[in-house]
Protein backbone atom coordinates (compact mmCIF):
# COMPACT_ATOMS: atom_id res chain seq x y z
CA MET A 1 5.54 8.83 7.94
CA ASN A 2 2.93 5.58 6.61
CA ILE A 3 4.99 3.47 3.47
CA ILE A 4 1.76 2.58 1.84
CA ARG A 5 1.01 6.66 2.13
CA ALA A 6 4.66 7.17 0.87
CA GLU A 7 4.06 4.40 -1.88
CA ARG A 8 0.68 6.21 -3.45
CA ALA A 9 2.64 9.56 -3.34
CA ARG A 10 5.71 8.60 -5.57
CA PHE A 11 3.42 6.97 -8.24
CA GLY A 12 1.54 10.56 -7.57
CA TRP A 13 -2.07 8.57 -7.17
CA THR A 14 -4.89 10.30 -4.67
CA ARG A 15 -6.40 7.73 -2.16
CA LYS A 16 -9.84 7.57 -4.36
CA GLU A 17 -7.04 6.83 -6.70
CA LEU A 18 -5.72 3.79 -5.26
CA ALA A 19 -8.74 2.45 -3.62
CA GLN A 20 -10.44 1.83 -7.44
CA MET A 21 -7.25 0.28 -8.73
CA LEU A 22 -7.53 -2.03 -5.49
CA GLY A 23 -11.90 -2.28 -5.20
CA VAL A 24 -11.77 -0.68 -1.78
CA ALA A 25 -13.48 1.82 -0.20
CA VAL A 26 -11.24 5.24 0.11
CA ASN A 27 -11.74 5.16 3.64
CA THR A 28 -10.61 1.64 3.73
CA VAL A 29 -6.99 3.13 2.61
CA ARG A 30 -6.99 6.05 4.42
CA ASN A 31 -7.17 3.86 7.50
CA TRP A 32 -4.59 1.98 6.54
CA GLU A 33 -2.11 4.99 6.06
CA GLU A 34 -3.31 6.17 9.58
CA ASP A 35 -2.70 2.84 11.00
CA VAL A 36 -6.39 2.40 11.73
CA GLY A 37 -6.87 -0.42 10.58
CA SER A 38 -5.18 -3.85 9.56
CA CYS A 39 -4.47 -4.63 5.47
CA LYS A 40 -5.63 -8.17 4.70
CA GLY A 41 -3.62 -10.57 3.08
CA SER A 42 -4.99 -10.54 -0.45
CA HIS A 43 -4.71 -6.54 -0.04
CA LEU A 44 -0.84 -6.48 0.95
CA ILE A 45 -0.22 -8.73 -2.55
CA ALA A 46 -2.38 -6.66 -4.86
CA LEU A 47 -0.57 -2.69 -2.96
CA SER A 48 2.56 -5.00 -4.27
CA ASN A 49 1.36 -4.97 -7.87
CA VAL A 50 0.53 -1.27 -7.76
CA PHE A 51 3.13 -0.63 -6.68
CA GLY A 52 5.67 -2.35 -8.84
CA GLY A 53 6.37 -5.38 -6.85
CA VAL A 54 7.58 -4.56 -3.70
CA SER A 55 8.18 -6.99 -1.18
CA ILE A 56 5.29 -7.35 1.28
CA ASP A 57 7.67 -6.67 4.41
CA TYR A 58 8.76 -3.95 3.01
CA LEU A 59 5.24 -2.74 3.02
CA LEU A 60 4.48 -4.26 6.50
CA GLY A 61 7.58 -2.01 7.70
CA ILE A 62 9.49 -5.69 8.60
CA GLU A 63 11.94 -4.25 5.55
CA GLU A 64 13.44 -0.16 5.37
CA GLU A 65 14.82 -0.76 2.02
CA ARG A 66 12.32 -0.87 -0.87
CA ARG A 67 13.30 -4.31 -2.95
CA LEU A 68 11.01 -6.19 -5.47
CA ARG A 69 9.41 -9.07 -4.84
CA ARG A 70 11.31 -11.54 -6.61
């Protein structure tokens, strides 16, 4: 399962809710979750923040363990 989708589900948010928090279109979130489009650096930082400070390496799939940024 895609990490962004898993984190969104963990918080119980819809795609629309996450999109509104980030100021992006719902289709943008869908594309990220379906690995259709890439995520800008500024959006990765925003995602990290809304998901409780998880590391960007985790969001990118570089780290498997859900760690908080330092």
